Amino acid sequence: MKIKKIFTGLFISLSIFGISSQKTFAQKNRVNATTETNTSNALASSPLGNYSNEKAGQYIALEAEKRQAINNDLQATVVELLELFHDAKQSHWNIRGPLYFSLHEALDSYASLYLKYSDIFAERQLQIGNPADGRPDIIAQTANLPKFPAGFLSDKQVLEIMTERIFTIAKRVRQRIENTGKAGDEVSSNKFQDLSYELDKQVWQFRAHMQ
């Protein structure tokens, strides 16, 4: 009987301790969440939350009235190239079929090129005084390409899907060559020309595999 009472008392004590621990843990979580929110709000309202150096702004080479339109083209290209990078890797991993070896290697090479040029255009955004935005949600929202299919893909599927996507971006880039040239930003225009050559080359190489 005494043993039973001892176990009953022990069980009640552990239950109370468990409830108390859960309450303490929940309270800590609420405090942490509040602290994180307050910190985020403080940063957003602080000069450090969106850093800008007015004195340094005078050293931006491109005239202020030209920057926004050019930045729009640069930002669009950054997200498109990052999307193409993910598409090329997805294809590289999951391709199946007789053309596996040649396309597998080509896709990996293309993916590296997309990363290289996304960095070039992001840096150009910074050069003309704008931040670059390559966050995953921004890529998904603004790359303006159809959702890429999941799972294994035949070599024929990869050829059709990737050729269409690269060709679509290549057309947009050709327009941006003209846009930035007319706006007086020959540097960005030249970079777009370099990218245009690479994308047209990829379309040709994929097109040559089509039957």
C-alpha atoms as a PDB file:
ATOM      1  CA  MET A   1       0.000   0.000   0.000  1.00  0.00           C
ATOM      2  CA  LYS A   2       2.833   2.362   0.949  1.00  0.00           C
ATOM      3  CA  ILE A   3       4.634   1.546  -2.285  1.00  0.00           C
ATOM      4  CA  LYS A   4       1.501   2.332  -4.267  1.00  0.00           C
ATOM      5  CA  LYS A   5       1.187   5.713  -2.538  1.00  0.00           C
ATOM      6  CA  ILE A   6       4.842   6.475  -3.239  1.00  0.00           C
ATOM      7  CA  PHE A   7       4.415   5.705  -6.969  1.00  0.00           C
ATOM      8  CA  THR A   8       1.190   7.735  -7.107  1.00  0.00           C
ATOM      9  CA  GLY A   9       2.910  10.702  -5.513  1.00  0.00           C
ATOM     10  CA  LEU A  10       5.877  10.375  -7.842  1.00  0.00           C
ATOM     11  CA  PHE A  11       3.578  10.249 -10.889  1.00  0.00           C
ATOM     12  CA  ILE A  12       1.719  13.385  -9.769  1.00  0.00           C
ATOM     13  CA  SER A  13       5.014  15.212  -9.182  1.00  0.00           C
ATOM     14  CA  LEU A  14       6.330  14.277 -12.624  1.00  0.00           C
ATOM     15  CA  SER A  15       3.048  15.344 -14.243  1.00  0.00           C
ATOM     16  CA  ILE A  16       3.160  18.712 -12.513  1.00  0.00           C
ATOM     17  CA  PHE A  17       6.804  19.114 -13.516  1.00  0.00           C
ATOM     18  CA  GLY A  18       5.948  18.216 -17.149  1.00  0.00           C
ATOM     19  CA  ILE A  19       3.120  20.741 -17.300  1.00  0.00           C
ATOM     20  CA  SER A  20       5.312  23.388 -15.700  1.00  0.00           C
ATOM     21  CA  SER A  21       8.129  22.646 -18.183  1.00  0.00           C
ATOM     22  CA  GLN A  22       5.726  22.877 -21.126  1.00  0.00           C
ATOM     23  CA  LYS A  23       4.458  26.236 -19.877  1.00  0.00           C
ATOM     24  CA  THR A  24       8.010  27.502 -19.394  1.00  0.00           C
ATOM     25  CA  PHE A  25       9.000  26.288 -22.888  1.00  0.00           C
ATOM     26  CA  ALA A  26       5.933  27.938 -24.449  1.00  0.00           C
ATOM     27  CA  GLN A  27       6.646  31.173 -22.580  1.00  0.00           C
ATOM     28  CA  LYS A  28      10.245  31.129 -23.814  1.00  0.00           C
ATOM     29  CA  ASN A  29       9.058  30.552 -27.369  1.00  0.00           C
ATOM     30  CA  ARG A  30       6.687  33.517 -27.126  1.00  0.00           C
ATOM     31  CA  VAL A  31       9.450  35.702 -25.713  1.00  0.00           C
ATOM     32  CA  ASN A  32      11.867  34.596 -28.460  1.00  0.00           C
ATOM     33  CA  ALA A  33       9.282  35.226 -31.182  1.00  0.00           C
ATOM     34  CA  THR A  34       8.521  38.665 -29.777  1.00  0.00           C
ATOM     35  CA  THR A  35      12.225  39.462 -29.533  1.00  0.00           C
ATOM     36  CA  GLU A  36      12.828  38.372 -33.144  1.00  0.00           C
ATOM     37  CA  THR A  37       9.885  40.459 -34.359  1.00  0.00           C
ATOM     38  CA  ASN A  38      11.037  43.503 -32.419  1.00  0.00           C
ATOM     39  CA  THR A  39      14.577  43.040 -33.732  1.00  0.00           C
ATOM     40  CA  SER A  40      13.329  42.772 -37.334  1.00  0.00           C
ATOM     41  CA  ASN A  41      11.176  45.878 -36.919  1.00  0.00           C
ATOM     42  CA  ALA A  42      14.047  47.767 -35.343  1.00  0.00           C
ATOM     43  CA  LEU A  43      16.382  46.842 -38.184  1.00  0.00           C
ATOM     44  CA  ALA A  44      13.804  47.810 -40.790  1.00  0.00           C
ATOM     45  CA  SER A  45      13.392  51.262 -39.222  1.00  0.00           C
ATOM     46  CA  SER A  46      17.103  51.687 -38.573  1.00  0.00           C
ATOM     47  CA  PRO A  47      19.573  53.163 -41.071  1.00  0.00           C
ATOM     48  CA  LEU A  48      21.376  49.832 -40.873  1.00  0.00           C
ATOM     49  CA  GLY A  49      18.193  47.962 -41.884  1.00  0.00           C
ATOM     50  CA  ASN A  50      18.390  49.334 -45.417  1.00  0.00           C
ATOM     51  CA  TYR A  51      21.933  50.609 -45.681  1.00  0.00           C
ATOM     52  CA  SER A  52      22.481  53.687 -47.818  1.00  0.00           C
ATOM     53  CA  ASN A  53      25.453  56.015 -47.893  1.00  0.00           C
ATOM     54  CA  GLU A  54      24.387  59.339 -49.375  1.00  0.00           C
ATOM     55  CA  LYS A  55      27.942  60.590 -49.621  1.00  0.00           C
ATOM     56  CA  ALA A  56      29.010  57.529 -51.626  1.00  0.00           C
ATOM     57  CA  GLY A  57      26.021  57.941 -53.961  1.00  0.00           C
ATOM     58  CA  GLN A  58      27.793  60.705 -55.870  1.00  0.00           C
ATOM     59  CA  TYR A  59      30.268  58.142 -57.192  1.00  0.00           C
ATOM     60  CA  ILE A  60      27.713  56.072 -59.131  1.00  0.00           C
ATOM     61  CA  ALA A  61      28.677  56.367 -62.785  1.00  0.00           C
ATOM     62  CA  LEU A  62      25.182  56.160 -64.290  1.00  0.00           C
ATOM     63  CA  GLU A  63      22.841  59.139 -64.103  1.00  0.00           C
ATOM     64  CA  ALA A  64      20.055  58.771 -61.515  1.00  0.00           C
ATOM     65  CA  GLU A  65      17.221  59.114 -64.025  1.00  0.00           C
ATOM     66  CA  LYS A  66      18.527  56.161 -66.067  1.00  0.00           C
ATOM     67  CA  ARG A  67      19.078  53.697 -63.253  1.00  0.00           C
ATOM     68  CA  GLN A  68      15.623  52.306 -62.534  1.00  0.00           C
ATOM     69  CA  ALA A  69      14.760  51.154 -66.059  1.00  0.00           C
ATOM     70  CA  ILE A  70      18.196  49.603 -66.507  1.00  0.00           C
ATOM     71  CA  ASN A  71      18.027  47.968 -63.086  1.00  0.00           C
ATOM     72  CA  ASN A  72      14.687  46.407 -64.039  1.00  0.00           C
ATOM     73  CA  ASP A  73      16.339  44.664 -66.998  1.00  0.00           C
ATOM     74  CA  LEU A  74      19.315  43.595 -64.887  1.00  0.00           C
ATOM     75  CA  GLN A  75      17.143  42.235 -62.065  1.00  0.00           C
ATOM     76  CA  ALA A  76      14.915  40.342 -64.491  1.00  0.00           C
ATOM     77  CA  THR A  77      17.979  38.724 -66.020  1.00  0.00           C
ATOM     78  CA  VAL A  78      19.397  37.716 -62.628  1.00  0.00           C
ATOM     79  CA  VAL A  79      16.249  35.823 -61.621  1.00  0.00           C
ATOM     80  CA  GLU A  80      15.887  34.223 -65.050  1.00  0.00           C
ATOM     81  CA  LEU A  81      19.456  32.947 -64.974  1.00  0.00           C
ATOM     82  CA  LEU A  82      19.043  31.599 -61.442  1.00  0.00           C
ATOM     83  CA  GLU A  83      15.874  29.825 -62.592  1.00  0.00           C
ATOM     84  CA  LEU A  84      17.739  28.376 -65.571  1.00  0.00           C
ATOM     85  CA  PHE A  85      20.495  27.238 -63.213  1.00  0.00           C
ATOM     86  CA  HIS A  86      18.006  25.218 -61.153  1.00  0.00           C
ATOM     87  CA  ASP A  87      16.321  23.882 -64.297  1.00  0.00           C
ATOM     88  CA  ALA A  88      19.627  22.765 -65.774  1.00  0.00           C
ATOM     89  CA  LYS A  89      20.606  21.011 -62.540  1.00  0.00           C
ATOM     90  CA  GLN A  90      17.199  19.346 -62.266  1.00  0.00           C
ATOM     91  CA  SER A  91      17.597  18.076 -65.836  1.00  0.00           C
ATOM     92  CA  HIS A  92      21.234  17.099 -65.256  1.00  0.00           C
ATOM     93  CA  TRP A  93      20.263  14.882 -62.315  1.00  0.00           C
ATOM     94  CA  ASN A  94      17.118  13.274 -63.728  1.00  0.00           C
ATOM     95  CA  ILE A  95      17.697  12.837 -67.462  1.00  0.00           C
ATOM     96  CA  ARG A  96      17.270   9.338 -68.943  1.00  0.00           C
ATOM     97  CA  GLY A  97      17.718   7.975 -72.446  1.00  0.00           C
ATOM     98  CA  PRO A  98      20.247   7.414 -75.260  1.00  0.00           C
ATOM     99  CA  LEU A  99      21.489  11.024 -75.119  1.00  0.00           C
ATOM    100  CA  TYR A 100      22.153  10.831 -71.382  1.00  0.00           C
ATOM    101  CA  PHE A 101      25.942  11.214 -71.457  1.00  0.00           C
ATOM    102  CA  SER A 102      26.181  14.135 -73.870  1.00  0.00           C
ATOM    103  CA  LEU A 103      23.272  16.089 -72.373  1.00  0.00           C
ATOM    104  CA  HIS A 104      24.215  15.277 -68.784  1.00  0.00           C
ATOM    105  CA  GLU A 105      27.611  16.920 -69.242  1.00  0.00           C
ATOM    106  CA  ALA A 106      26.274  19.810 -71.314  1.00  0.00           C
ATOM    107  CA  LEU A 107      23.627  20.673 -68.723  1.00  0.00           C
ATOM    108  CA  ASP A 108      26.206  20.823 -65.954  1.00  0.00           C
ATOM    109  CA  SER A 109      28.328  23.167 -68.057  1.00  0.00           C
ATOM    110  CA  TYR A 110      25.296  25.341 -68.836  1.00  0.00           C
ATOM    111  CA  ALA A 111      24.385  25.536 -65.139  1.00  0.00           C
ATOM    112  CA  SER A 112      27.850  26.898 -64.310  1.00  0.00           C
ATOM    113  CA  LEU A 113      27.492  29.499 -67.049  1.00  0.00           C
ATOM    114  CA  TYR A 114      24.118  30.662 -65.695  1.00  0.00           C
ATOM    115  CA  LEU A 115      25.631  31.164 -62.251  1.00  0.00           C
ATOM    116  CA  LYS A 116      28.562  33.065 -63.724  1.00  0.00           C
ATOM    117  CA  TYR A 117      26.334  35.479 -65.618  1.00  0.00           C
ATOM    118  CA  SER A 118      23.825  35.880 -62.789  1.00  0.00           C
ATOM    119  CA  ASP A 119      26.744  37.115 -60.695  1.00  0.00           C
ATOM    120  CA  ILE A 120      27.884  39.495 -63.445  1.00  0.00           C
ATOM    121  CA  PHE A 121      24.444  41.092 -63.771  1.00  0.00           C
ATOM    122  CA  ALA A 122      23.886  41.214 -59.994  1.00  0.00           C
ATOM    123  CA  GLU A 123      27.219  43.021 -59.618  1.00  0.00           C
ATOM    124  CA  ARG A 124      26.182  45.443 -62.347  1.00  0.00           C
ATOM    125  CA  GLN A 125      23.072  46.249 -60.302  1.00  0.00           C
ATOM    126  CA  LEU A 126      25.299  47.158 -57.378  1.00  0.00           C
ATOM    127  CA  GLN A 127      27.538  49.233 -59.652  1.00  0.00           C
ATOM    128  CA  ILE A 128      24.590  51.419 -60.654  1.00  0.00           C
ATOM    129  CA  GLY A 129      23.422  51.797 -57.054  1.00  0.00           C
ATOM    130  CA  ASN A 130      20.738  49.125 -56.649  1.00  0.00           C
ATOM    131  CA  PRO A 131      20.554  45.950 -54.552  1.00  0.00           C
ATOM    132  CA  ALA A 132      20.254  42.595 -56.311  1.00  0.00           C
ATOM    133  CA  ASP A 133      17.511  40.187 -55.281  1.00  0.00           C
ATOM    134  CA  GLY A 134      18.063  36.476 -55.858  1.00  0.00           C
ATOM    135  CA  ARG A 135      15.877  35.079 -53.075  1.00  0.00           C
ATOM    136  CA  PRO A 136      14.055  31.831 -53.938  1.00  0.00           C
ATOM    137  CA  ASP A 137      10.567  33.324 -53.613  1.00  0.00           C
ATOM    138  CA  ILE A 138      11.515  36.236 -55.873  1.00  0.00           C
ATOM    139  CA  ILE A 139      12.880  33.824 -58.477  1.00  0.00           C
ATOM    140  CA  ALA A 140       9.648  31.794 -58.402  1.00  0.00           C
ATOM    141  CA  GLN A 141       7.462  34.887 -58.617  1.00  0.00           C
ATOM    142  CA  THR A 142       9.295  36.892 -61.270  1.00  0.00           C
ATOM    143  CA  ALA A 143      11.255  34.578 -63.592  1.00  0.00           C
ATOM    144  CA  ASN A 144       8.074  34.286 -65.661  1.00  0.00           C
ATOM    145  CA  LEU A 145       8.684  30.743 -66.875  1.00  0.00           C
ATOM    146  CA  PRO A 146       6.403  27.679 -66.638  1.00  0.00           C
ATOM    147  CA  LYS A 147       6.836  25.462 -63.587  1.00  0.00           C
ATOM    148  CA  PHE A 148       9.536  22.874 -64.191  1.00  0.00           C
ATOM    149  CA  PRO A 149       8.343  19.234 -64.051  1.00  0.00           C
ATOM    150  CA  ALA A 150       9.430  16.921 -61.252  1.00  0.00           C
ATOM    151  CA  GLY A 151      10.795  13.387 -61.481  1.00  0.00           C
ATOM    152  CA  PHE A 152      12.711  11.545 -64.191  1.00  0.00           C
ATOM    153  CA  LEU A 153      12.814  13.142 -67.637  1.00  0.00           C
ATOM    154  CA  SER A 154      13.543  11.560 -70.995  1.00  0.00           C
ATOM    155  CA  ASP A 155      16.288  13.099 -73.116  1.00  0.00           C
ATOM    156  CA  LYS A 156      13.590  14.202 -75.578  1.00  0.00           C
ATOM    157  CA  GLN A 157      11.692  15.990 -72.808  1.00  0.00           C
ATOM    158  CA  VAL A 158      14.827  17.745 -71.606  1.00  0.00           C
ATOM    159  CA  LEU A 159      15.658  18.915 -75.119  1.00  0.00           C
ATOM    160  CA  GLU A 160      12.182  20.329 -75.653  1.00  0.00           C
ATOM    161  CA  ILE A 161      11.784  21.931 -72.229  1.00  0.00           C
ATOM    162  CA  MET A 162      15.259  23.424 -71.902  1.00  0.00           C
ATOM    163  CA  THR A 163      15.490  24.620 -75.512  1.00  0.00           C
ATOM    164  CA  GLU A 164      12.188  26.442 -75.131  1.00  0.00           C
ATOM    165  CA  ARG A 165      13.233  28.050 -71.855  1.00  0.00           C
ATOM    166  CA  ILE A 166      16.666  29.131 -73.071  1.00  0.00           C
ATOM    167  CA  PHE A 167      15.203  30.454 -76.315  1.00  0.00           C
ATOM    168  CA  THR A 168      12.602  32.470 -74.383  1.00  0.00           C
ATOM    169  CA  ILE A 169      15.275  34.097 -72.219  1.00  0.00           C
ATOM    170  CA  ALA A 170      17.493  34.688 -75.242  1.00  0.00           C
ATOM    171  CA  LYS A 171      14.704  36.704 -76.909  1.00  0.00           C
ATOM    172  CA  ARG A 172      14.267  38.805 -73.785  1.00  0.00           C
ATOM    173  CA  VAL A 173      18.003  39.438 -73.573  1.00  0.00           C
ATOM    174  CA  ARG A 174      18.126  40.665 -77.168  1.00  0.00           C
ATOM    175  CA  GLN A 175      15.481  43.246 -76.281  1.00  0.00           C
ATOM    176  CA  ARG A 176      17.511  44.316 -73.263  1.00  0.00           C
ATOM    177  CA  ILE A 177      20.561  44.895 -75.443  1.00  0.00           C
ATOM    178  CA  GLU A 178      18.509  47.492 -77.287  1.00  0.00           C
ATOM    179  CA  ASN A 179      16.916  48.936 -74.143  1.00  0.00           C
ATOM    180  CA  THR A 180      20.167  49.552 -72.296  1.00  0.00           C
ATOM    181  CA  GLY A 181      21.920  50.810 -75.405  1.00  0.00           C
ATOM    182  CA  LYS A 182      19.215  53.422 -76.007  1.00  0.00           C
ATOM    183  CA  ALA A 183      19.347  54.408 -72.333  1.00  0.00           C
ATOM    184  CA  GLY A 184      23.047  55.189 -72.671  1.00  0.00           C
ATOM    185  CA  ASP A 185      24.394  52.298 -70.609  1.00  0.00           C
ATOM    186  CA  GLU A 186      26.803  50.718 -73.058  1.00  0.00           C
ATOM    187  CA  VAL A 187      28.444  48.655 -70.314  1.00  0.00           C
ATOM    188  CA  SER A 188      25.245  46.783 -69.460  1.00  0.00           C
ATOM    189  CA  SER A 189      24.377  46.539 -73.146  1.00  0.00           C
ATOM    190  CA  ASN A 190      27.730  44.888 -73.859  1.00  0.00           C
ATOM    191  CA  LYS A 191      27.221  42.394 -71.041  1.00  0.00           C
ATOM    192  CA  PHE A 192      23.822  41.525 -72.454  1.00  0.00           C
ATOM    193  CA  GLN A 193      25.468  40.953 -75.835  1.00  0.00           C
ATOM    194  CA  ASP A 194      27.949  38.526 -74.253  1.00  0.00           C
ATOM    195  CA  LEU A 195      25.100  36.610 -72.618  1.00  0.00           C
ATOM    196  CA  SER A 196      23.086  36.664 -75.835  1.00  0.00           C
ATOM    197  CA  TYR A 197      25.910  34.918 -77.679  1.00  0.00           C
ATOM    198  CA  GLU A 198      26.100  32.186 -75.042  1.00  0.00           C
ATOM    199  CA  LEU A 199      22.352  31.560 -74.985  1.00  0.00           C
ATOM    200  CA  ASP A 200      22.086  31.463 -78.779  1.00  0.00           C
ATOM    201  CA  LYS A 201      24.974  28.982 -78.793  1.00  0.00           C
ATOM    202  CA  GLN A 202      23.157  26.741 -76.307  1.00  0.00           C
ATOM    203  CA  VAL A 203      19.948  26.818 -78.337  1.00  0.00           C
ATOM    204  CA  TRP A 204      21.920  25.810 -81.427  1.00  0.00           C
ATOM    205  CA  GLN A 205      23.642  22.952 -79.584  1.00  0.00           C
ATOM    206  CA  PHE A 206      20.361  21.597 -78.223  1.00  0.00           C
ATOM    207  CA  ARG A 207      18.612  22.133 -81.547  1.00  0.00           C
ATOM    208  CA  ALA A 208      21.242  19.974 -83.248  1.00  0.00           C
ATOM    209  CA  HIS A 209      20.179  16.997 -81.081  1.00  0.00           C
ATOM    210  CA  MET A 210      16.518  17.213 -82.093  1.00  0.00           C
ATOM    211  CA  GLN A 211      15.142  14.627 -84.494  1.00  0.00           C
END
